[in-house]
Amino acid sequence: MLNGKWKLPLIISLQEGPLRFNEIQKSLGEITPKILSKELKDLELNEFVIRKVFSTTPVTVTYELTPYSESLERVIDELRDWGLKHRERLVKNRKSELVEA
């Protein structure tokens, strides 16, 4: 359900609140519109994201996290903490290698 390069960053970008397609794309950087569309559809099918269409001119579409997606918060926090510790470990090991050389 959360496989691939973009699903977790996409969920993290939507944690701040509803965003339009272009706003999501800008927040993620290098994602193509085609891939973003596919990822949003996958997340919508798995009930992590809600797509809301507003009858404005032009039509406005926003994406937001579902209440169910809050169940991922602990997992995302743990992954973030692990990533920070891992990066810290790598930096420490590289510094010690430079000192030994």
PDB file of N, CA and C in Angstrom:
ATOM      1  N   MET A   1       0.802  -1.203   0.000  1.00  0.00           N
ATOM      2  CA  MET A   1       0.000   0.000   0.000  1.00  0.00           C
ATOM      3  C   MET A   1       0.845   1.268   0.000  1.00  0.00           C
ATOM      4  N   LEU A   2       1.976   1.205   0.674  1.00  0.00           N
ATOM      5  CA  LEU A   2       2.833   2.393   0.769  1.00  0.00           C
ATOM      6  C   LEU A   2       4.159   2.187   0.060  1.00  0.00           C
ATOM      7  N   ASN A   3       4.137   1.328  -0.946  1.00  0.00           N
ATOM      8  CA  ASN A   3       5.361   1.039  -1.688  1.00  0.00           C
ATOM      9  C   ASN A   3       5.747   2.199  -2.588  1.00  0.00           C
ATOM     10  N   GLY A   4       6.970   2.177  -3.033  1.00  0.00           N
ATOM     11  CA  GLY A   4       7.436   3.169  -3.993  1.00  0.00           C
ATOM     12  C   GLY A   4       8.077   4.375  -3.338  1.00  0.00           C
ATOM     13  N   LYS A   5       8.555   5.223  -4.209  1.00  0.00           N
ATOM     14  CA  LYS A   5       9.332   6.390  -3.799  1.00  0.00           C
ATOM     15  C   LYS A   5       8.472   7.539  -3.271  1.00  0.00           C
ATOM     16  N   TRP A   6       7.233   7.653  -3.710  1.00  0.00           N
ATOM     17  CA  TRP A   6       6.478   8.876  -3.502  1.00  0.00           C
ATOM     18  C   TRP A   6       5.355   8.822  -2.470  1.00  0.00           C
ATOM     19  N   LYS A   7       4.885   7.665  -2.093  1.00  0.00           N
ATOM     20  CA  LYS A   7       3.689   7.618  -1.236  1.00  0.00           C
ATOM     21  C   LYS A   7       3.914   8.257   0.131  1.00  0.00           C
ATOM     22  N   LEU A   8       4.985   7.894   0.804  1.00  0.00           N
ATOM     23  CA  LEU A   8       5.231   8.496   2.119  1.00  0.00           C
ATOM     24  C   LEU A   8       5.496  10.006   2.029  1.00  0.00           C
ATOM     25  N   PRO A   9       6.340  10.477   1.106  1.00  0.00           N
ATOM     26  CA  PRO A   9       6.509  11.927   0.984  1.00  0.00           C
ATOM     27  C   PRO A   9       5.196  12.648   0.661  1.00  0.00           C
ATOM     28  N   LEU A  10       4.353  11.997  -0.129  1.00  0.00           N
ATOM     29  CA  LEU A  10       3.056  12.579  -0.467  1.00  0.00           C
ATOM     30  C   LEU A  10       2.177  12.697   0.779  1.00  0.00           C
ATOM     31  N   ILE A  11       2.128  11.654   1.578  1.00  0.00           N
ATOM     32  CA  ILE A  11       1.350  11.690   2.815  1.00  0.00           C
ATOM     33  C   ILE A  11       1.900  12.753   3.756  1.00  0.00           C
ATOM     34  N   ILE A  12       3.207  12.832   3.860  1.00  0.00           N
ATOM     35  CA  ILE A  12       3.827  13.835   4.729  1.00  0.00           C
ATOM     36  C   ILE A  12       3.487  15.245   4.262  1.00  0.00           C
ATOM     37  N   SER A  13       3.482  15.468   2.956  1.00  0.00           N
ATOM     38  CA  SER A  13       3.161  16.810   2.438  1.00  0.00           C
ATOM     39  C   SER A  13       1.711  17.192   2.731  1.00  0.00           C
ATOM     40  N   LEU A  14       0.825  16.204   2.800  1.00  0.00           N
ATOM     41  CA  LEU A  14      -0.588  16.487   3.075  1.00  0.00           C
ATOM     42  C   LEU A  14      -0.898  16.582   4.568  1.00  0.00           C
ATOM     43  N   GLN A  15       0.068  16.331   5.419  1.00  0.00           N
ATOM     44  CA  GLN A  15      -0.164  16.416   6.861  1.00  0.00           C
ATOM     45  C   GLN A  15      -0.472  17.840   7.312  1.00  0.00           C
ATOM     46  N   GLU A  16      -0.037  18.825   6.545  1.00  0.00           N
ATOM     47  CA  GLU A  16      -0.288  20.218   6.909  1.00  0.00           C
ATOM     48  C   GLU A  16      -1.706  20.662   6.568  1.00  0.00           C
ATOM     49  N   GLY A  17      -2.402  19.882   5.741  1.00  0.00           N
ATOM     50  CA  GLY A  17      -3.762  20.225   5.358  1.00  0.00           C
ATOM     51  C   GLY A  17      -3.994  19.997   3.878  1.00  0.00           C
ATOM     52  N   PRO A  18      -5.213  20.285   3.411  1.00  0.00           N
ATOM     53  CA  PRO A  18      -5.576  20.057   2.002  1.00  0.00           C
ATOM     54  C   PRO A  18      -4.702  20.871   1.044  1.00  0.00           C
ATOM     55  N   LEU A  19      -4.357  20.243  -0.077  1.00  0.00           N
ATOM     56  CA  LEU A  19      -3.566  20.911  -1.105  1.00  0.00           C
ATOM     57  C   LEU A  19      -4.142  20.613  -2.479  1.00  0.00           C
ATOM     58  N   ARG A  20      -3.909  21.529  -3.407  1.00  0.00           N
ATOM     59  CA  ARG A  20      -4.270  21.292  -4.802  1.00  0.00           C
ATOM     60  C   ARG A  20      -3.149  20.514  -5.476  1.00  0.00           C
ATOM     61  N   PHE A  21      -3.455  19.943  -6.619  1.00  0.00           N
ATOM     62  CA  PHE A  21      -2.511  19.097  -7.348  1.00  0.00           C
ATOM     63  C   PHE A  21      -1.167  19.790  -7.549  1.00  0.00           C
ATOM     64  N   ASN A  22      -1.202  21.020  -8.080  1.00  0.00           N
ATOM     65  CA  ASN A  22       0.051  21.741  -8.358  1.00  0.00           C
ATOM     66  C   ASN A  22       0.830  22.053  -7.089  1.00  0.00           C
ATOM     67  N   GLU A  23       0.121  22.313  -5.997  1.00  0.00           N
ATOM     68  CA  GLU A  23       0.801  22.577  -4.730  1.00  0.00           C
ATOM     69  C   GLU A  23       1.524  21.321  -4.241  1.00  0.00           C
ATOM     70  N   ILE A  24       0.881  20.171  -4.409  1.00  0.00           N
ATOM     71  CA  ILE A  24       1.520  18.913  -4.018  1.00  0.00           C
ATOM     72  C   ILE A  24       2.752  18.677  -4.879  1.00  0.00           C
ATOM     73  N   GLN A  25       2.601  18.875  -6.186  1.00  0.00           N
ATOM     74  CA  GLN A  25       3.717  18.651  -7.100  1.00  0.00           C
ATOM     75  C   GLN A  25       4.906  19.546  -6.738  1.00  0.00           C
ATOM     76  N   LYS A  26       4.647  20.806  -6.427  1.00  0.00           N
ATOM     77  CA  LYS A  26       5.731  21.723  -6.039  1.00  0.00           C
ATOM     78  C   LYS A  26       6.396  21.277  -4.744  1.00  0.00           C
ATOM     79  N   SER A  27       5.594  20.791  -3.798  1.00  0.00           N
ATOM     80  CA  SER A  27       6.166  20.389  -2.510  1.00  0.00           C
ATOM     81  C   SER A  27       7.038  19.146  -2.639  1.00  0.00           C
ATOM     82  N   LEU A  28       6.757  18.306  -3.631  1.00  0.00           N
ATOM     83  CA  LEU A  28       7.519  17.071  -3.812  1.00  0.00           C
ATOM     84  C   LEU A  28       8.703  17.239  -4.757  1.00  0.00           C
ATOM     85  N   GLY A  29       8.709  18.304  -5.531  1.00  0.00           N
ATOM     86  CA  GLY A  29       9.866  18.559  -6.390  1.00  0.00           C
ATOM     87  C   GLY A  29       9.841  17.836  -7.718  1.00  0.00           C
ATOM     88  N   GLU A  30      10.555  16.730  -7.820  1.00  0.00           N
ATOM     89  CA  GLU A  30      10.821  16.096  -9.112  1.00  0.00           C
ATOM     90  C   GLU A  30       9.750  15.129  -9.599  1.00  0.00           C
ATOM     91  N   ILE A  31       8.623  15.020  -8.943  1.00  0.00           N
ATOM     92  CA  ILE A  31       7.590  14.078  -9.364  1.00  0.00           C
ATOM     93  C   ILE A  31       6.885  14.591 -10.624  1.00  0.00           C
ATOM     94  N   THR A  32       6.623  13.695 -11.567  1.00  0.00           N
ATOM     95  CA  THR A  32       5.921  14.086 -12.794  1.00  0.00           C
ATOM     96  C   THR A  32       4.420  14.095 -12.536  1.00  0.00           C
ATOM     97  N   PRO A  33       3.666  14.871 -13.307  1.00  0.00           N
ATOM     98  CA  PRO A  33       2.211  14.886 -13.135  1.00  0.00           C
ATOM     99  C   PRO A  33       1.588  13.499 -13.280  1.00  0.00           C
ATOM    100  N   LYS A  34       2.101  12.701 -14.213  1.00  0.00           N
ATOM    101  CA  LYS A  34       1.558  11.355 -14.434  1.00  0.00           C
ATOM    102  C   LYS A  34       1.748  10.476 -13.198  1.00  0.00           C
ATOM    103  N   ILE A  35       2.928  10.493 -12.628  1.00  0.00           N
ATOM    104  CA  ILE A  35       3.220   9.684 -11.441  1.00  0.00           C
ATOM    105  C   ILE A  35       2.422  10.200 -10.241  1.00  0.00           C
ATOM    106  N   LEU A  36       2.352  11.517 -10.083  1.00  0.00           N
ATOM    107  CA  LEU A  36       1.598  12.089  -8.976  1.00  0.00           C
ATOM    108  C   LEU A  36       0.135  11.678  -9.060  1.00  0.00           C
ATOM    109  N   SER A  37      -0.431  11.745 -10.239  1.00  0.00           N
ATOM    110  CA  SER A  37      -1.825  11.347 -10.439  1.00  0.00           C
ATOM    111  C   SER A  37      -2.035   9.889 -10.048  1.00  0.00           C
ATOM    112  N   LYS A  38      -1.123   9.020 -10.481  1.00  0.00           N
ATOM    113  CA  LYS A  38      -1.218   7.592 -10.162  1.00  0.00           C
ATOM    114  C   LYS A  38      -1.109   7.359  -8.661  1.00  0.00           C
ATOM    115  N   GLU A  39      -0.150   8.016  -8.018  1.00  0.00           N
ATOM    116  CA  GLU A  39       0.053   7.850  -6.583  1.00  0.00           C
ATOM    117  C   GLU A  39      -1.167   8.336  -5.796  1.00  0.00           C
ATOM    118  N   LEU A  40      -1.733   9.474  -6.199  1.00  0.00           N
ATOM    119  CA  LEU A  40      -2.922   9.989  -5.520  1.00  0.00           C
ATOM    120  C   LEU A  40      -4.099   9.030  -5.666  1.00  0.00           C
ATOM    121  N   LYS A  41      -4.262   8.455  -6.861  1.00  0.00           N
ATOM    122  CA  LYS A  41      -5.344   7.484  -7.081  1.00  0.00           C
ATOM    123  C   LYS A  41      -5.146   6.254  -6.207  1.00  0.00           C
ATOM    124  N   ASP A  42      -3.902   5.766  -6.109  1.00  0.00           N
ATOM    125  CA  ASP A  42      -3.608   4.607  -5.253  1.00  0.00           C
ATOM    126  C   ASP A  42      -3.940   4.915  -3.794  1.00  0.00           C
ATOM    127  N   LEU A  43      -3.534   6.082  -3.326  1.00  0.00           N
ATOM    128  CA  LEU A  43      -3.800   6.454  -1.943  1.00  0.00           C
ATOM    129  C   LEU A  43      -5.292   6.658  -1.689  1.00  0.00           C
ATOM    130  N   GLU A  44      -5.985   7.143  -2.705  1.00  0.00           N
ATOM    131  CA  GLU A  44      -7.439   7.311  -2.590  1.00  0.00           C
ATOM    132  C   GLU A  44      -8.132   5.941  -2.515  1.00  0.00           C
ATOM    133  N   LEU A  45      -7.701   5.010  -3.354  1.00  0.00           N
ATOM    134  CA  LEU A  45      -8.274   3.659  -3.334  1.00  0.00           C
ATOM    135  C   LEU A  45      -8.043   2.952  -1.998  1.00  0.00           C
ATOM    136  N   ASN A  46      -6.915   3.230  -1.370  1.00  0.00           N
ATOM    137  CA  ASN A  46      -6.586   2.612  -0.083  1.00  0.00           C
ATOM    138  C   ASN A  46      -7.065   3.432   1.108  1.00  0.00           C
ATOM    139  N   GLU A  47      -7.876   4.443   0.825  1.00  0.00           N
ATOM    140  CA  GLU A  47      -8.542   5.269   1.840  1.00  0.00           C
ATOM    141  C   GLU A  47      -7.598   6.069   2.725  1.00  0.00           C
ATOM    142  N   PHE A  48      -6.474   6.498   2.148  1.00  0.00           N
ATOM    143  CA  PHE A  48      -5.561   7.382   2.861  1.00  0.00           C
ATOM    144  C   PHE A  48      -5.782   8.843   2.472  1.00  0.00           C
ATOM    145  N   VAL A  49      -6.349   9.067   1.277  1.00  0.00           N
ATOM    146  CA  VAL A  49      -6.533  10.413   0.745  1.00  0.00           C
ATOM    147  C   VAL A  49      -7.966  10.574   0.242  1.00  0.00           C
ATOM    148  N   ILE A  50      -8.502  11.777   0.444  1.00  0.00           N
ATOM    149  CA  ILE A  50      -9.812  12.135  -0.098  1.00  0.00           C
ATOM    150  C   ILE A  50      -9.598  13.188  -1.181  1.00  0.00           C
ATOM    151  N   ARG A  51     -10.263  12.986  -2.292  1.00  0.00           N
ATOM    152  CA  ARG A  51     -10.239  13.968  -3.393  1.00  0.00           C
ATOM    153  C   ARG A  51     -11.556  14.730  -3.330  1.00  0.00           C
ATOM    154  N   LYS A  52     -11.470  16.060  -3.177  1.00  0.00           N
ATOM    155  CA  LYS A  52     -12.670  16.889  -3.111  1.00  0.00           C
ATOM    156  C   LYS A  52     -12.723  17.799  -4.329  1.00  0.00           C
ATOM    157  N   VAL A  53     -13.874  17.790  -4.998  1.00  0.00           N
ATOM    158  CA  VAL A  53     -14.080  18.615  -6.181  1.00  0.00           C
ATOM    159  C   VAL A  53     -15.080  19.714  -5.828  1.00  0.00           C
ATOM    160  N   PHE A  54     -14.695  20.956  -6.089  1.00  0.00           N
ATOM    161  CA  PHE A  54     -15.556  22.105  -5.808  1.00  0.00           C
ATOM    162  C   PHE A  54     -16.051  22.682  -7.125  1.00  0.00           C
ATOM    163  N   SER A  55     -17.336  22.991  -7.178  1.00  0.00           N
ATOM    164  CA  SER A  55     -17.932  23.495  -8.431  1.00  0.00           C
ATOM    165  C   SER A  55     -17.713  25.000  -8.568  1.00  0.00           C
ATOM    166  N   THR A  56     -16.461  25.344  -8.782  1.00  0.00           N
ATOM    167  CA  THR A  56     -16.086  26.728  -9.048  1.00  0.00           C
ATOM    168  C   THR A  56     -15.733  26.830 -10.521  1.00  0.00           C
ATOM    169  N   THR A  57     -15.479  28.038 -10.975  1.00  0.00           N
ATOM    170  CA  THR A  57     -15.042  28.208 -12.360  1.00  0.00           C
ATOM    171  C   THR A  57     -13.665  28.835 -12.340  1.00  0.00           C
ATOM    172  N   PRO A  58     -12.625  28.126 -12.752  1.00  0.00           N
ATOM    173  CA  PRO A  58     -12.584  26.716 -13.134  1.00  0.00           C
ATOM    174  C   PRO A  58     -12.776  25.807 -11.910  1.00  0.00           C
ATOM    175  N   VAL A  59     -13.003  24.546 -12.163  1.00  0.00           N
ATOM    176  CA  VAL A  59     -13.223  23.570 -11.106  1.00  0.00           C
ATOM    177  C   VAL A  59     -11.982  23.500 -10.212  1.00  0.00           C
ATOM    178  N   THR A  60     -12.201  23.463  -8.911  1.00  0.00           N
ATOM    179  CA  THR A  60     -11.111  23.351  -7.946  1.00  0.00           C
ATOM    180  C   THR A  60     -11.126  21.944  -7.362  1.00  0.00           C
ATOM    181  N   VAL A  61      -9.962  21.313  -7.324  1.00  0.00           N
ATOM    182  CA  VAL A  61      -9.830  19.983  -6.746  1.00  0.00           C
ATOM    183  C   VAL A  61      -8.752  20.040  -5.670  1.00  0.00           C
ATOM    184  N   THR A  62      -9.088  19.524  -4.490  1.00  0.00           N
ATOM    185  CA  THR A  62      -8.093  19.440  -3.421  1.00  0.00           C
ATOM    186  C   THR A  62      -7.968  17.997  -2.960  1.00  0.00           C
ATOM    187  N   TYR A  63      -6.840  17.721  -2.351  1.00  0.00           N
ATOM    188  CA  TYR A  63      -6.562  16.399  -1.789  1.00  0.00           C
ATOM    189  C   TYR A  63      -6.231  16.593  -0.323  1.00  0.00           C
ATOM    190  N   GLU A  64      -6.770  15.702   0.511  1.00  0.00           N
ATOM    191  CA  GLU A  64      -6.458  15.769   1.933  1.00  0.00           C
ATOM    192  C   GLU A  64      -6.430  14.371   2.522  1.00  0.00           C
ATOM    193  N   LEU A  65      -5.781  14.263   3.656  1.00  0.00           N
ATOM    194  CA  LEU A  65      -5.678  12.972   4.327  1.00  0.00           C
ATOM    195  C   LEU A  65      -7.008  12.616   4.981  1.00  0.00           C
ATOM    196  N   THR A  66      -7.302  11.343   5.013  1.00  0.00           N
ATOM    197  CA  THR A  66      -8.498  10.855   5.698  1.00  0.00           C
ATOM    198  C   THR A  66      -8.177  10.690   7.184  1.00  0.00           C
ATOM    199  N   PRO A  67      -9.196  10.614   8.018  1.00  0.00           N
ATOM    200  CA  PRO A  67      -8.940  10.314   9.434  1.00  0.00           C
ATOM    201  C   PRO A  67      -8.183   8.985   9.607  1.00  0.00           C
ATOM    202  N   TYR A  68      -8.452   8.025   8.719  1.00  0.00           N
ATOM    203  CA  TYR A  68      -7.769   6.728   8.780  1.00  0.00           C
ATOM    204  C   TYR A  68      -6.258   6.873   8.601  1.00  0.00           C
ATOM    205  N   SER A  69      -5.834   7.821   7.797  1.00  0.00           N
ATOM    206  CA  SER A  69      -4.402   7.997   7.538  1.00  0.00           C
ATOM    207  C   SER A  69      -3.635   8.409   8.793  1.00  0.00           C
ATOM    208  N   GLU A  70      -4.353   8.910   9.802  1.00  0.00           N
ATOM    209  CA  GLU A  70      -3.689   9.260  11.059  1.00  0.00           C
ATOM    210  C   GLU A  70      -3.069   8.034  11.721  1.00  0.00           C
ATOM    211  N   SER A  71      -3.558   6.843  11.346  1.00  0.00           N
ATOM    212  CA  SER A  71      -2.987   5.616  11.902  1.00  0.00           C
ATOM    213  C   SER A  71      -1.533   5.417  11.457  1.00  0.00           C
ATOM    214  N   LEU A  72      -1.101   6.157  10.443  1.00  0.00           N
ATOM    215  CA  LEU A  72       0.272   6.068   9.949  1.00  0.00           C
ATOM    216  C   LEU A  72       1.228   7.004  10.694  1.00  0.00           C
ATOM    217  N   GLU A  73       0.687   7.892  11.495  1.00  0.00           N
ATOM    218  CA  GLU A  73       1.509   8.920  12.125  1.00  0.00           C
ATOM    219  C   GLU A  73       2.664   8.323  12.932  1.00  0.00           C
ATOM    220  N   ARG A  74       2.381   7.311  13.746  1.00  0.00           N
ATOM    221  CA  ARG A  74       3.438   6.671  14.542  1.00  0.00           C
ATOM    222  C   ARG A  74       4.496   6.025  13.656  1.00  0.00           C
ATOM    223  N   VAL A  75       4.047   5.381  12.590  1.00  0.00           N
ATOM    224  CA  VAL A  75       4.972   4.718  11.667  1.00  0.00           C
ATOM    225  C   VAL A  75       5.887   5.749  11.009  1.00  0.00           C
ATOM    226  N   ILE A  76       5.313   6.835  10.544  1.00  0.00           N
ATOM    227  CA  ILE A  76       6.096   7.893   9.884  1.00  0.00           C
ATOM    228  C   ILE A  76       7.080   8.519  10.870  1.00  0.00           C
ATOM    229  N   ASP A  77       6.622   8.772  12.097  1.00  0.00           N
ATOM    230  CA  ASP A  77       7.521   9.332  13.112  1.00  0.00           C
ATOM    231  C   ASP A  77       8.687   8.400  13.401  1.00  0.00           C
ATOM    232  N   GLU A  78       8.395   7.105  13.501  1.00  0.00           N
ATOM    233  CA  GLU A  78       9.460   6.120  13.758  1.00  0.00           C
ATOM    234  C   GLU A  78      10.458   6.076  12.598  1.00  0.00           C
ATOM    235  N   LEU A  79       9.960   6.104  11.372  1.00  0.00           N
ATOM    236  CA  LEU A  79      10.847   6.109  10.201  1.00  0.00           C
ATOM    237  C   LEU A  79      11.709   7.364  10.170  1.00  0.00           C
ATOM    238  N   ARG A  80      11.106   8.512  10.495  1.00  0.00           N
ATOM    239  CA  ARG A  80      11.855   9.774  10.532  1.00  0.00           C
ATOM    240  C   ARG A  80      12.955   9.694  11.590  1.00  0.00           C
ATOM    241  N   ASP A  81      12.604   9.219  12.797  1.00  0.00           N
ATOM    242  CA  ASP A  81      13.602   9.093  13.874  1.00  0.00           C
ATOM    243  C   ASP A  81      14.728   8.151  13.473  1.00  0.00           C
ATOM    244  N   TRP A  82      14.356   7.015  12.881  1.00  0.00           N
ATOM    245  CA  TRP A  82      15.371   6.064  12.442  1.00  0.00           C
ATOM    246  C   TRP A  82      16.285   6.704  11.398  1.00  0.00           C
ATOM    247  N   GLY A  83      15.699   7.417  10.445  1.00  0.00           N
ATOM    248  CA  GLY A  83      16.487   8.061   9.400  1.00  0.00           C
ATOM    249  C   GLY A  83      17.472   9.079   9.965  1.00  0.00           C
ATOM    250  N   LEU A  84      17.044   9.854  10.954  1.00  0.00           N
ATOM    251  CA  LEU A  84      17.938  10.830  11.576  1.00  0.00           C
ATOM    252  C   LEU A  84      19.088  10.139  12.312  1.00  0.00           C
ATOM    253  N   LYS A  85      18.773   9.065  13.033  1.00  0.00           N
ATOM    254  CA  LYS A  85      19.819   8.322  13.743  1.00  0.00           C
ATOM    255  C   LYS A  85      20.785   7.662  12.757  1.00  0.00           C
ATOM    256  N   HIS A  86      20.241   7.138  11.673  1.00  0.00           N
ATOM    257  CA  HIS A  86      21.079   6.501  10.659  1.00  0.00           C
ATOM    258  C   HIS A  86      22.027   7.514  10.036  1.00  0.00           C
ATOM    259  N   ARG A  87      21.503   8.680   9.682  1.00  0.00           N
ATOM    260  CA  ARG A  87      22.337   9.735   9.091  1.00  0.00           C
ATOM    261  C   ARG A  87      23.418  10.158  10.066  1.00  0.00           C
ATOM    262  N   GLU A  88      23.055  10.314  11.347  1.00  0.00           N
ATOM    263  CA  GLU A  88      24.014  10.686  12.382  1.00  0.00           C
ATOM    264  C   GLU A  88      25.125   9.644  12.498  1.00  0.00           C
ATOM    265  N   ARG A  89      24.748   8.375  12.427  1.00  0.00           N
ATOM    266  CA  ARG A  89      25.709   7.269  12.491  1.00  0.00           C
ATOM    267  C   ARG A  89      26.684   7.319  11.321  1.00  0.00           C
ATOM    268  N   LEU A  90      26.143   7.551  10.117  1.00  0.00           N
ATOM    269  CA  LEU A  90      26.998   7.626   8.928  1.00  0.00           C
ATOM    270  C   LEU A  90      27.995   8.772   9.026  1.00  0.00           C
ATOM    271  N   VAL A  91      27.508   9.926   9.463  1.00  0.00           N
ATOM    272  CA  VAL A  91      28.393  11.098   9.591  1.00  0.00           C
ATOM    273  C   VAL A  91      29.485  10.805  10.614  1.00  0.00           C
ATOM    274  N   LYS A  92      29.117  10.208  11.746  1.00  0.00           N
ATOM    275  CA  LYS A  92      30.092   9.876  12.792  1.00  0.00           C
ATOM    276  C   LYS A  92      31.138   8.901  12.263  1.00  0.00           C
ATOM    277  N   ASN A  93      30.698   7.873  11.540  1.00  0.00           N
ATOM    278  CA  ASN A  93      31.637   6.886  10.991  1.00  0.00           C
ATOM    279  C   ASN A  93      32.568   7.509   9.958  1.00  0.00           C
ATOM    280  N   ARG A  94      32.047   8.401   9.134  1.00  0.00           N
ATOM    281  CA  ARG A  94      32.903   9.058   8.115  1.00  0.00           C
ATOM    282  C   ARG A  94      33.936   9.955   8.770  1.00  0.00           C
ATOM    283  N   LYS A  95      33.525  10.652   9.839  1.00  0.00           N
ATOM    284  CA  LYS A  95      34.479  11.513  10.553  1.00  0.00           C
ATOM    285  C   LYS A  95      35.590  10.686  11.176  1.00  0.00           C
ATOM    286  N   SER A  96      35.245   9.552  11.757  1.00  0.00           N
ATOM    287  CA  SER A  96      36.273   8.711  12.386  1.00  0.00           C
ATOM    288  C   SER A  96      37.196   8.102  11.329  1.00  0.00           C
ATOM    289  N   GLU A  97      36.682   7.804  10.144  1.00  0.00           N
ATOM    290  CA  GLU A  97      37.521   7.301   9.056  1.00  0.00           C
ATOM    291  C   GLU A  97      38.510   8.377   8.601  1.00  0.00           C
ATOM    292  N   LEU A  98      38.093   9.634   8.570  1.00  0.00           N
ATOM    293  CA  LEU A  98      38.971  10.722   8.168  1.00  0.00           C
ATOM    294  C   LEU A  98      40.084  10.943   9.197  1.00  0.00           C
ATOM    295  N   VAL A  99      39.739  10.796  10.467  1.00  0.00           N
ATOM    296  CA  VAL A  99      40.725  10.978  11.538  1.00  0.00           C
ATOM    297  C   VAL A  99      41.772   9.874  11.477  1.00  0.00           C
ATOM    298  N   GLU A 100      41.345   8.649  11.187  1.00  0.00           N
ATOM    299  CA  GLU A 100      42.262   7.515  11.120  1.00  0.00           C
ATOM    300  C   GLU A 100      43.169   7.578   9.891  1.00  0.00           C
ATOM    301  N   ALA A 101      42.727   8.231   8.844  1.00  0.00           N
ATOM    302  CA  ALA A 101      43.503   8.240   7.592  1.00  0.00           C
ATOM    303  C   ALA A 101      44.673   9.154   7.623  1.00  0.00           C
TER     304      ALA A 101
END
